[in-house]
Amino acid sequence: LPRQLAFFGSDDYQQGYLDAIKQLEAIGGSKVEVDFAPLLDA
C-alpha cells in the first residue's frame, strides 16, 4: 500500500519504483495493492 512504502528521503528510488511498476505492466503484469503489514511485522 502507498502508506507502507519507505524511501527514507530518496526521490530517485521512489521514481525508480514507479518506473518499475510500469515495466512489469509492460511485460504483461497487472498491479494489485495489498496490505504488507504481516510481512513488515515479521
ModelCIF file with pLDDT and N, C-alpha, C, O atoms, coordinates in Angstrom:
data_MODEL
#
_entry.id   MODEL 
#
_entity.id                         1 
_entity.type                       polymer 
_entity.pdbx_number_of_molecules   1 
#
_entity_poly.entity_id                      1 
_entity_poly.type                           'polypeptide(L)' 
_entity_poly.nstd_linkage                   no 
_entity_poly.nstd_monomer                   no 
_entity_poly.pdbx_seq_one_letter_code       LPRQLAFFGSDDYQQGYLDAIKQLEAIGGSKVEVDFAPLLDA 
_entity_poly.pdbx_seq_one_letter_code_can   LPRQLAFFGSDDYQQGYLDAIKQLEAIGGSKVEVDFAPLLDA 
_entity_poly.pdbx_strand_id                 A 
#
loop_
_entity_poly_seq.entity_id 
_entity_poly_seq.num 
_entity_poly_seq.mon_id 
_entity_poly_seq.hetero 
1 1  LEU n 
1 2  PRO n 
1 3  ARG n 
1 4  GLN n 
1 5  LEU n 
1 6  ALA n 
1 7  PHE n 
1 8  PHE n 
1 9  GLY n 
1 10 SER n 
1 11 ASP n 
1 12 ASP n 
1 13 TYR n 
1 14 GLN n 
1 15 GLN n 
1 16 GLY n 
1 17 TYR n 
1 18 LEU n 
1 19 ASP n 
1 20 ALA n 
1 21 ILE n 
1 22 LYS n 
1 23 GLN n 
1 24 LEU n 
1 25 GLU n 
1 26 ALA n 
1 27 ILE n 
1 28 GLY n 
1 29 GLY n 
1 30 SER n 
1 31 LYS n 
1 32 VAL n 
1 33 GLU n 
1 34 VAL n 
1 35 ASP n 
1 36 PHE n 
1 37 ALA n 
1 38 PRO n 
1 39 LEU n 
1 40 LEU n 
1 41 ASP n 
1 42 ALA n 
#
_struct_asym.id          A 
_struct_asym.entity_id   1 
#
loop_
_ma_qa_metric.id 
_ma_qa_metric.mode 
_ma_qa_metric.name 
_ma_qa_metric.software_group_id 
_ma_qa_metric.type 
1 global pLDDT . pLDDT 
2 local  pLDDT . pLDDT 
#
_ma_qa_metric_global.metric_id      1 
_ma_qa_metric_global.metric_value   96.81 
_ma_qa_metric_global.model_id       1 
_ma_qa_metric_global.ordinal_id     1 
#
loop_
_ma_qa_metric_local.label_asym_id 
_ma_qa_metric_local.label_comp_id 
_ma_qa_metric_local.label_seq_id 
_ma_qa_metric_local.metric_id 
_ma_qa_metric_local.metric_value 
_ma_qa_metric_local.model_id 
_ma_qa_metric_local.ordinal_id 
A LEU 1  2 98.00 1 1  
A PRO 2  2 98.00 1 2  
A ARG 3  2 98.00 1 3  
A GLN 4  2 98.00 1 4  
A LEU 5  2 98.00 1 5  
A ALA 6  2 98.00 1 6  
A PHE 7  2 98.00 1 7  
A PHE 8  2 98.00 1 8  
A GLY 9  2 97.00 1 9  
A SER 10 2 98.00 1 10 
A ASP 11 2 98.00 1 11 
A ASP 12 2 97.00 1 12 
A TYR 13 2 98.00 1 13 
A GLN 14 2 98.00 1 14 
A GLN 15 2 98.00 1 15 
A GLY 16 2 98.00 1 16 
A TYR 17 2 98.00 1 17 
A LEU 18 2 98.00 1 18 
A ASP 19 2 97.00 1 19 
A ALA 20 2 98.00 1 20 
A ILE 21 2 97.00 1 21 
A LYS 22 2 96.00 1 22 
A GLN 23 2 95.00 1 23 
A LEU 24 2 96.00 1 24 
A GLU 25 2 94.00 1 25 
A ALA 26 2 90.00 1 26 
A ILE 27 2 88.00 1 27 
A GLY 28 2 90.00 1 28 
A GLY 29 2 95.00 1 29 
A SER 30 2 96.00 1 30 
A LYS 31 2 98.00 1 31 
A VAL 32 2 98.00 1 32 
A GLU 33 2 98.00 1 33 
A VAL 34 2 98.00 1 34 
A ASP 35 2 98.00 1 35 
A PHE 36 2 97.00 1 36 
A ALA 37 2 98.00 1 37 
A PRO 38 2 98.00 1 38 
A LEU 39 2 98.00 1 39 
A LEU 40 2 97.00 1 40 
A ASP 41 2 97.00 1 41 
A ALA 42 2 97.00 1 42 
#
loop_
_atom_site.group_PDB 
_atom_site.id 
_atom_site.type_symbol 
_atom_site.label_atom_id 
_atom_site.label_alt_id 
_atom_site.label_comp_id 
_atom_site.label_asym_id 
_atom_site.label_entity_id 
_atom_site.label_seq_id 
_atom_site.pdbx_PDB_ins_code 
_atom_site.Cartn_x 
_atom_site.Cartn_y 
_atom_site.Cartn_z 
_atom_site.occupancy 
_atom_site.B_iso_or_equiv 
_atom_site.pdbx_formal_charge 
_atom_site.auth_seq_id 
_atom_site.auth_comp_id 
_atom_site.auth_asym_id 
_atom_site.auth_atom_id 
_atom_site.pdbx_PDB_model_num 
ATOM 1   N N  . LEU A 1 1  ? 0.849  -1.185  0.000   1.00 98.00 ? 1  LEU A N  1 
ATOM 2   C CA . LEU A 1 1  ? 0.000  0.000   0.000   1.00 98.00 ? 1  LEU A CA 1 
ATOM 3   C C  . LEU A 1 1  ? 0.891  1.243   0.000   1.00 98.00 ? 1  LEU A C  1 
ATOM 4   O O  . LEU A 1 1  ? 1.975  1.215   0.582   1.00 98.00 ? 1  LEU A O  1 
ATOM 5   N N  . PRO A 1 2  ? 0.460  2.322   -0.635  1.00 98.00 ? 2  PRO A N  1 
ATOM 6   C CA . PRO A 1 2  ? 1.307  3.523   -0.707  1.00 98.00 ? 2  PRO A CA 1 
ATOM 7   C C  . PRO A 1 2  ? 1.830  3.988   0.646   1.00 98.00 ? 2  PRO A C  1 
ATOM 8   O O  . PRO A 1 2  ? 2.976  4.425   0.750   1.00 98.00 ? 2  PRO A O  1 
ATOM 9   N N  . ARG A 1 3  ? 0.997  3.898   1.688   1.00 98.00 ? 3  ARG A N  1 
ATOM 10  C CA . ARG A 1 3  ? 1.434  4.373   3.007   1.00 98.00 ? 3  ARG A CA 1 
ATOM 11  C C  . ARG A 1 3  ? 2.496  3.463   3.618   1.00 98.00 ? 3  ARG A C  1 
ATOM 12  O O  . ARG A 1 3  ? 3.136  3.839   4.600   1.00 98.00 ? 3  ARG A O  1 
ATOM 13  N N  . GLN A 1 4  ? 2.692  2.276   3.053   1.00 98.00 ? 4  GLN A N  1 
ATOM 14  C CA . GLN A 1 4  ? 3.682  1.340   3.596   1.00 98.00 ? 4  GLN A CA 1 
ATOM 15  C C  . GLN A 1 4  ? 5.031  1.427   2.890   1.00 98.00 ? 4  GLN A C  1 
ATOM 16  O O  . GLN A 1 4  ? 5.989  0.769   3.294   1.00 98.00 ? 4  GLN A O  1 
ATOM 17  N N  . LEU A 1 5  ? 5.107  2.226   1.850   1.00 98.00 ? 5  LEU A N  1 
ATOM 18  C CA . LEU A 1 5  ? 6.365  2.397   1.136   1.00 98.00 ? 5  LEU A CA 1 
ATOM 19  C C  . LEU A 1 5  ? 7.296  3.316   1.932   1.00 98.00 ? 5  LEU A C  1 
ATOM 20  O O  . LEU A 1 5  ? 6.848  4.285   2.545   1.00 98.00 ? 5  LEU A O  1 
ATOM 21  N N  . ALA A 1 6  ? 8.577  3.006   1.916   1.00 98.00 ? 6  ALA A N  1 
ATOM 22  C CA . ALA A 1 6  ? 9.562  3.820   2.639   1.00 98.00 ? 6  ALA A CA 1 
ATOM 23  C C  . ALA A 1 6  ? 10.791 3.994   1.760   1.00 98.00 ? 6  ALA A C  1 
ATOM 24  O O  . ALA A 1 6  ? 11.433 3.020   1.366   1.00 98.00 ? 6  ALA A O  1 
ATOM 25  N N  . PHE A 1 7  ? 11.112 5.260   1.455   1.00 98.00 ? 7  PHE A N  1 
ATOM 26  C CA . PHE A 1 7  ? 12.288 5.553   0.632   1.00 98.00 ? 7  PHE A CA 1 
ATOM 27  C C  . PHE A 1 7  ? 13.308 6.406   1.389   1.00 98.00 ? 7  PHE A C  1 
ATOM 28  O O  . PHE A 1 7  ? 14.342 6.766   0.826   1.00 98.00 ? 7  PHE A O  1 
ATOM 29  N N  . PHE A 1 8  ? 13.042 6.728   2.627   1.00 98.00 ? 8  PHE A N  1 
ATOM 30  C CA . PHE A 1 8  ? 13.990 7.371   3.526   1.00 98.00 ? 8  PHE A CA 1 
ATOM 31  C C  . PHE A 1 8  ? 14.612 8.627   2.903   1.00 98.00 ? 8  PHE A C  1 
ATOM 32  O O  . PHE A 1 8  ? 15.804 8.899   3.049   1.00 98.00 ? 8  PHE A O  1 
ATOM 33  N N  . GLY A 1 9  ? 13.755 9.378   2.202   1.00 97.00 ? 9  GLY A N  1 
ATOM 34  C CA . GLY A 1 9  ? 14.185 10.639  1.624   1.00 97.00 ? 9  GLY A CA 1 
ATOM 35  C C  . GLY A 1 9  ? 14.743 10.566  0.222   1.00 97.00 ? 9  GLY A C  1 
ATOM 36  O O  . GLY A 1 9  ? 15.199 11.579  -0.308  1.00 97.00 ? 9  GLY A O  1 
ATOM 37  N N  . SER A 1 10 ? 14.722 9.398   -0.393  1.00 98.00 ? 10 SER A N  1 
ATOM 38  C CA . SER A 1 10 ? 15.292 9.249   -1.741  1.00 98.00 ? 10 SER A CA 1 
ATOM 39  C C  . SER A 1 10 ? 14.212 9.394   -2.812  1.00 98.00 ? 10 SER A C  1 
ATOM 40  O O  . SER A 1 10 ? 13.447 8.460   -3.054  1.00 98.00 ? 10 SER A O  1 
ATOM 41  N N  . ASP A 1 11 ? 14.150 10.549  -3.446  1.00 98.00 ? 11 ASP A N  1 
ATOM 42  C CA . ASP A 1 11 ? 13.215 10.752  -4.550  1.00 98.00 ? 11 ASP A CA 1 
ATOM 43  C C  . ASP A 1 11 ? 13.589 9.879   -5.748  1.00 98.00 ? 11 ASP A C  1 
ATOM 44  O O  . ASP A 1 11 ? 12.720 9.397   -6.474  1.00 98.00 ? 11 ASP A O  1 
ATOM 45  N N  . ASP A 1 12 ? 14.890 9.683   -5.944  1.00 97.00 ? 12 ASP A N  1 
ATOM 46  C CA . ASP A 1 12 ? 15.354 8.852   -7.057  1.00 97.00 ? 12 ASP A CA 1 
ATOM 47  C C  . ASP A 1 12 ? 14.833 7.425   -6.953  1.00 97.00 ? 12 ASP A C  1 
ATOM 48  O O  . ASP A 1 12 ? 14.357 6.857   -7.936  1.00 97.00 ? 12 ASP A O  1 
ATOM 49  N N  . TYR A 1 13 ? 14.927 6.848   -5.754  1.00 98.00 ? 13 TYR A N  1 
ATOM 50  C CA . TYR A 1 13 ? 14.470 5.468   -5.589  1.00 98.00 ? 13 TYR A CA 1 
ATOM 51  C C  . TYR A 1 13 ? 12.941 5.381   -5.654  1.00 98.00 ? 13 TYR A C  1 
ATOM 52  O O  . TYR A 1 13 ? 12.397 4.384   -6.130  1.00 98.00 ? 13 TYR A O  1 
ATOM 53  N N  . GLN A 1 14 ? 12.259 6.407   -5.183  1.00 98.00 ? 14 GLN A N  1 
ATOM 54  C CA . GLN A 1 14 ? 10.804 6.420   -5.300  1.00 98.00 ? 14 GLN A CA 1 
ATOM 55  C C  . GLN A 1 14 ? 10.392 6.436   -6.777  1.00 98.00 ? 14 GLN A C  1 
ATOM 56  O O  . GLN A 1 14 ? 9.471  5.723   -7.173  1.00 98.00 ? 14 GLN A O  1 
ATOM 57  N N  . GLN A 1 15 ? 11.073 7.245   -7.583  1.00 98.00 ? 15 GLN A N  1 
ATOM 58  C CA . GLN A 1 15 ? 10.765 7.295   -9.003  1.00 98.00 ? 15 GLN A CA 1 
ATOM 59  C C  . GLN A 1 15 ? 11.137 5.985   -9.690  1.00 98.00 ? 15 GLN A C  1 
ATOM 60  O O  . GLN A 1 15 ? 10.432 5.516   -10.583 1.00 98.00 ? 15 GLN A O  1 
ATOM 61  N N  . GLY A 1 16 ? 12.249 5.405   -9.264  1.00 98.00 ? 16 GLY A N  1 
ATOM 62  C CA . GLY A 1 16 ? 12.646 4.117   -9.824  1.00 98.00 ? 16 GLY A CA 1 
ATOM 63  C C  . GLY A 1 16 ? 11.597 3.049   -9.581  1.00 98.00 ? 16 GLY A C  1 
ATOM 64  O O  . GLY A 1 16 ? 11.317 2.224   -10.451 1.00 98.00 ? 16 GLY A O  1 
ATOM 65  N N  . TYR A 1 17 ? 11.022 3.073   -8.394  1.00 98.00 ? 17 TYR A N  1 
ATOM 66  C CA . TYR A 1 17 ? 9.968  2.115   -8.061  1.00 98.00 ? 17 TYR A CA 1 
ATOM 67  C C  . TYR A 1 17 ? 8.739  2.313   -8.951  1.00 98.00 ? 17 TYR A C  1 
ATOM 68  O O  . TYR A 1 17 ? 8.175  1.337   -9.446  1.00 98.00 ? 17 TYR A O  1 
ATOM 69  N N  . LEU A 1 18 ? 8.322  3.549   -9.158  1.00 98.00 ? 18 LEU A N  1 
ATOM 70  C CA . LEU A 1 18 ? 7.163  3.827   -10.010 1.00 98.00 ? 18 LEU A CA 1 
ATOM 71  C C  . LEU A 1 18 ? 7.439  3.390   -11.451 1.00 98.00 ? 18 LEU A C  1 
ATOM 72  O O  . LEU A 1 18 ? 6.557  2.860   -12.126 1.00 98.00 ? 18 LEU A O  1 
ATOM 73  N N  . ASP A 1 19 ? 8.657  3.615   -11.907 1.00 97.00 ? 19 ASP A N  1 
ATOM 74  C CA . ASP A 1 19 ? 9.024  3.169   -13.250 1.00 97.00 ? 19 ASP A CA 1 
ATOM 75  C C  . ASP A 1 19 ? 9.046  1.646   -13.337 1.00 97.00 ? 19 ASP A C  1 
ATOM 76  O O  . ASP A 1 19 ? 8.696  1.078   -14.372 1.00 97.00 ? 19 ASP A O  1 
ATOM 77  N N  . ALA A 1 20 ? 9.456  0.984   -12.255 1.00 98.00 ? 20 ALA A N  1 
ATOM 78  C CA . ALA A 1 20 ? 9.488  -0.480  -12.240 1.00 98.00 ? 20 ALA A CA 1 
ATOM 79  C C  . ALA A 1 20 ? 8.086  -1.054  -12.389 1.00 98.00 ? 20 ALA A C  1 
ATOM 80  O O  . ALA A 1 20 ? 7.900  -2.063  -13.069 1.00 98.00 ? 20 ALA A O  1 
ATOM 81  N N  . ILE A 1 21 ? 7.112  -0.432  -11.768 1.00 97.00 ? 21 ILE A N  1 
ATOM 82  C CA . ILE A 1 21 ? 5.726  -0.883  -11.918 1.00 97.00 ? 21 ILE A CA 1 
ATOM 83  C C  . ILE A 1 21 ? 5.320  -0.834  -13.387 1.00 97.00 ? 21 ILE A C  1 
ATOM 84  O O  . ILE A 1 21 ? 4.681  -1.757  -13.891 1.00 97.00 ? 21 ILE A O  1 
ATOM 85  N N  . LYS A 1 22 ? 5.691  0.237   -14.065 1.00 96.00 ? 22 LYS A N  1 
ATOM 86  C CA . LYS A 1 22 ? 5.367  0.364   -15.488 1.00 96.00 ? 22 LYS A CA 1 
ATOM 87  C C  . LYS A 1 22 ? 6.054  -0.724  -16.311 1.00 96.00 ? 22 LYS A C  1 
ATOM 88  O O  . LYS A 1 22 ? 5.481  -1.241  -17.270 1.00 96.00 ? 22 LYS A O  1 
ATOM 89  N N  . GLN A 1 23 ? 7.287  -1.066  -15.927 1.00 95.00 ? 23 GLN A N  1 
ATOM 90  C CA . GLN A 1 23 ? 7.985  -2.131  -16.650 1.00 95.00 ? 23 GLN A CA 1 
ATOM 91  C C  . GLN A 1 23 ? 7.284  -3.472  -16.482 1.00 95.00 ? 23 GLN A C  1 
ATOM 92  O O  . GLN A 1 23 ? 7.141  -4.225  -17.445 1.00 95.00 ? 23 GLN A O  1 
ATOM 93  N N  . LEU A 1 24 ? 6.852  -3.770  -15.274 1.00 96.00 ? 24 LEU A N  1 
ATOM 94  C CA . LEU A 1 24 ? 6.139  -5.026  -15.052 1.00 96.00 ? 24 LEU A CA 1 
ATOM 95  C C  . LEU A 1 24 ? 4.816  -5.044  -15.812 1.00 96.00 ? 24 LEU A C  1 
ATOM 96  O O  . LEU A 1 24 ? 4.416  -6.075  -16.351 1.00 96.00 ? 24 LEU A O  1 
ATOM 97  N N  . GLU A 1 25 ? 4.158  -3.925  -15.850 1.00 94.00 ? 25 GLU A N  1 
ATOM 98  C CA . GLU A 1 25 ? 2.908  -3.843  -16.605 1.00 94.00 ? 25 GLU A CA 1 
ATOM 99  C C  . GLU A 1 25 ? 3.163  -4.011  -18.102 1.00 94.00 ? 25 GLU A C  1 
ATOM 100 O O  . GLU A 1 25 ? 2.346  -4.595  -18.815 1.00 94.00 ? 25 GLU A O  1 
ATOM 101 N N  . ALA A 1 26 ? 4.291  -3.500  -18.570 1.00 90.00 ? 26 ALA A N  1 
ATOM 102 C CA . ALA A 1 26 ? 4.619  -3.582  -19.991 1.00 90.00 ? 26 ALA A CA 1 
ATOM 103 C C  . ALA A 1 26 ? 4.885  -5.009  -20.452 1.00 90.00 ? 26 ALA A C  1 
ATOM 104 O O  . ALA A 1 26 ? 4.726  -5.315  -21.634 1.00 90.00 ? 26 ALA A O  1 
ATOM 105 N N  . ILE A 1 27 ? 5.293  -5.896  -19.525 1.00 88.00 ? 27 ILE A N  1 
ATOM 106 C CA . ILE A 1 27 ? 5.557  -7.286  -19.919 1.00 88.00 ? 27 ILE A CA 1 
ATOM 107 C C  . ILE A 1 27 ? 4.400  -8.207  -19.541 1.00 88.00 ? 27 ILE A C  1 
ATOM 108 O O  . ILE A 1 27 ? 4.554  -9.429  -19.529 1.00 88.00 ? 27 ILE A O  1 
ATOM 109 N N  . GLY A 1 28 ? 3.255  -7.628  -19.236 1.00 90.00 ? 28 GLY A N  1 
ATOM 110 C CA . GLY A 1 28 ? 2.059  -8.447  -19.016 1.00 90.00 ? 28 GLY A CA 1 
ATOM 111 C C  . GLY A 1 28 ? 1.524  -8.467  -17.604 1.00 90.00 ? 28 GLY A C  1 
ATOM 112 O O  . GLY A 1 28 ? 0.571  -9.195  -17.326 1.00 90.00 ? 28 GLY A O  1 
ATOM 113 N N  . GLY A 1 29 ? 2.111  -7.680  -16.684 1.00 95.00 ? 29 GLY A N  1 
ATOM 114 C CA . GLY A 1 29 ? 1.673  -7.712  -15.299 1.00 95.00 ? 29 GLY A CA 1 
ATOM 115 C C  . GLY A 1 29 ? 0.527  -6.763  -15.003 1.00 95.00 ? 29 GLY A C  1 
ATOM 116 O O  . GLY A 1 29 ? 0.383  -5.719  -15.639 1.00 95.00 ? 29 GLY A O  1 
ATOM 117 N N  . SER A 1 30 ? -0.277 -7.139  -14.038 1.00 96.00 ? 30 SER A N  1 
ATOM 118 C CA . SER A 1 30 ? -1.354 -6.286  -13.528 1.00 96.00 ? 30 SER A CA 1 
ATOM 119 C C  . SER A 1 30 ? -1.099 -6.044  -12.042 1.00 96.00 ? 30 SER A C  1 
ATOM 120 O O  . SER A 1 30 ? -0.995 -6.987  -11.259 1.00 96.00 ? 30 SER A O  1 
ATOM 121 N N  . LYS A 1 31 ? -1.001 -4.769  -11.665 1.00 98.00 ? 31 LYS A N  1 
ATOM 122 C CA . LYS A 1 31 ? -0.666 -4.404  -10.289 1.00 98.00 ? 31 LYS A CA 1 
ATOM 123 C C  . LYS A 1 31 ? -1.853 -4.611  -9.352  1.00 98.00 ? 31 LYS A C  1 
ATOM 124 O O  . LYS A 1 31 ? -2.995 -4.302  -9.692  1.00 98.00 ? 31 LYS A O  1 
ATOM 125 N N  . VAL A 1 32 ? -1.557 -5.142  -8.166  1.00 98.00 ? 32 VAL A N  1 
ATOM 126 C CA . VAL A 1 32 ? -2.548 -5.284  -7.107  1.00 98.00 ? 32 VAL A CA 1 
ATOM 127 C C  . VAL A 1 32 ? -1.927 -4.746  -5.822  1.00 98.00 ? 32 VAL A C  1 
ATOM 128 O O  . VAL A 1 32 ? -0.907 -5.264  -5.368  1.00 98.00 ? 32 VAL A O  1 
ATOM 129 N N  . GLU A 1 33 ? -2.522 -3.723  -5.233  1.00 98.00 ? 33 GLU A N  1 
ATOM 130 C CA . GLU A 1 33 ? -2.017 -3.201  -3.966  1.00 98.00 ? 33 GLU A CA 1 
ATOM 131 C C  . GLU A 1 33 ? -2.562 -4.040  -2.816  1.00 98.00 ? 33 GLU A C  1 
ATOM 132 O O  . GLU A 1 33 ? -3.766 -4.277  -2.724  1.00 98.00 ? 33 GLU A O  1 
ATOM 133 N N  . VAL A 1 34 ? -1.663 -4.487  -1.942  1.00 98.00 ? 34 VAL A N  1 
ATOM 134 C CA . VAL A 1 34 ? -2.074 -5.328  -0.812  1.00 98.00 ? 34 VAL A CA 1 
ATOM 135 C C  . VAL A 1 34 ? -1.447 -4.779  0.470   1.00 98.00 ? 34 VAL A C  1 
ATOM 136 O O  . VAL A 1 34 ? -0.477 -4.022  0.434   1.00 98.00 ? 34 VAL A O  1 
ATOM 137 N N  . ASP A 1 35 ? -2.017 -5.174  1.584   1.00 98.00 ? 35 ASP A N  1 
ATOM 138 C CA . ASP A 1 35 ? -1.528 -4.757  2.892   1.00 98.00 ? 35 ASP A CA 1 
ATOM 139 C C  . ASP A 1 35 ? -0.300 -5.587  3.260   1.00 98.00 ? 35 ASP A C  1 
ATOM 140 O O  . ASP A 1 35 ? -0.416 -6.782  3.531   1.00 98.00 ? 35 ASP A O  1 
ATOM 141 N N  . PHE A 1 36 ? 0.868  -4.962  3.268   1.00 97.00 ? 36 PHE A N  1 
ATOM 142 C CA . PHE A 1 36 ? 2.124  -5.645  3.571   1.00 97.00 ? 36 PHE A CA 1 
ATOM 143 C C  . PHE A 1 36 ? 2.375  -5.792  5.071   1.00 97.00 ? 36 PHE A C  1 
ATOM 144 O O  . PHE A 1 36 ? 3.452  -6.234  5.470   1.00 97.00 ? 36 PHE A O  1 
ATOM 145 N N  . ALA A 1 37 ? 1.401  -5.429  5.910   1.00 98.00 ? 37 ALA A N  1 
ATOM 146 C CA . ALA A 1 37 ? 1.623  -5.413  7.353   1.00 98.00 ? 37 ALA A CA 1 
ATOM 147 C C  . ALA A 1 37 ? 2.164  -6.739  7.902   1.00 98.00 ? 37 ALA A C  1 
ATOM 148 O O  . ALA A 1 37 ? 3.083  -6.711  8.720   1.00 98.00 ? 37 ALA A O  1 
ATOM 149 N N  . PRO A 1 38 ? 1.632  -7.904  7.485   1.00 98.00 ? 38 PRO A N  1 
ATOM 150 C CA . PRO A 1 38 ? 2.187  -9.149  8.037   1.00 98.00 ? 38 PRO A CA 1 
ATOM 151 C C  . PRO A 1 38 ? 3.664  -9.335  7.700   1.00 98.00 ? 38 PRO A C  1 
ATOM 152 O O  . PRO A 1 38 ? 4.421  -9.881  8.502   1.00 98.00 ? 38 PRO A O  1 
ATOM 153 N N  . LEU A 1 39 ? 4.075  -8.883  6.517   1.00 98.00 ? 39 LEU A N  1 
ATOM 154 C CA . LEU A 1 39 ? 5.465  -9.017  6.117   1.00 98.00 ? 39 LEU A CA 1 
ATOM 155 C C  . LEU A 1 39 ? 6.353  -8.061  6.913   1.00 98.00 ? 39 LEU A C  1 
ATOM 156 O O  . LEU A 1 39 ? 7.419  -8.442  7.397   1.00 98.00 ? 39 LEU A O  1 
ATOM 157 N N  . LEU A 1 40 ? 5.903  -6.838  7.036   1.00 97.00 ? 40 LEU A N  1 
ATOM 158 C CA . LEU A 1 40 ? 6.699  -5.840  7.759   1.00 97.00 ? 40 LEU A CA 1 
ATOM 159 C C  . LEU A 1 40 ? 6.779  -6.162  9.244   1.00 97.00 ? 40 LEU A C  1 
ATOM 160 O O  . LEU A 1 40 ? 7.800  -5.911  9.885   1.00 97.00 ? 40 LEU A O  1 
ATOM 161 N N  . ASP A 1 41 ? 5.702  -6.720  9.790   1.00 97.00 ? 41 ASP A N  1 
ATOM 162 C CA . ASP A 1 41 ? 5.728  -7.124  11.198  1.00 97.00 ? 41 ASP A CA 1 
ATOM 163 C C  . ASP A 1 41 ? 6.690  -8.297  11.405  1.00 97.00 ? 41 ASP A C  1 
ATOM 164 O O  . ASP A 1 41 ? 7.394  -8.360  12.413  1.00 97.00 ? 41 ASP A O  1 
ATOM 165 N N  . ALA A 1 42 ? 6.713  -9.211  10.454  1.00 97.00 ? 42 ALA A N  1 
ATOM 166 C CA . ALA A 1 42 ? 7.648  -10.336 10.556  1.00 97.00 ? 42 ALA A CA 1 
ATOM 167 C C  . ALA A 1 42 ? 9.089  -9.843  10.481  1.00 97.00 ? 42 ALA A C  1 
ATOM 168 O O  . ALA A 1 42 ? 10.020 -10.645 10.550  1.00 97.00 ? 42 ALA A O  1 
#
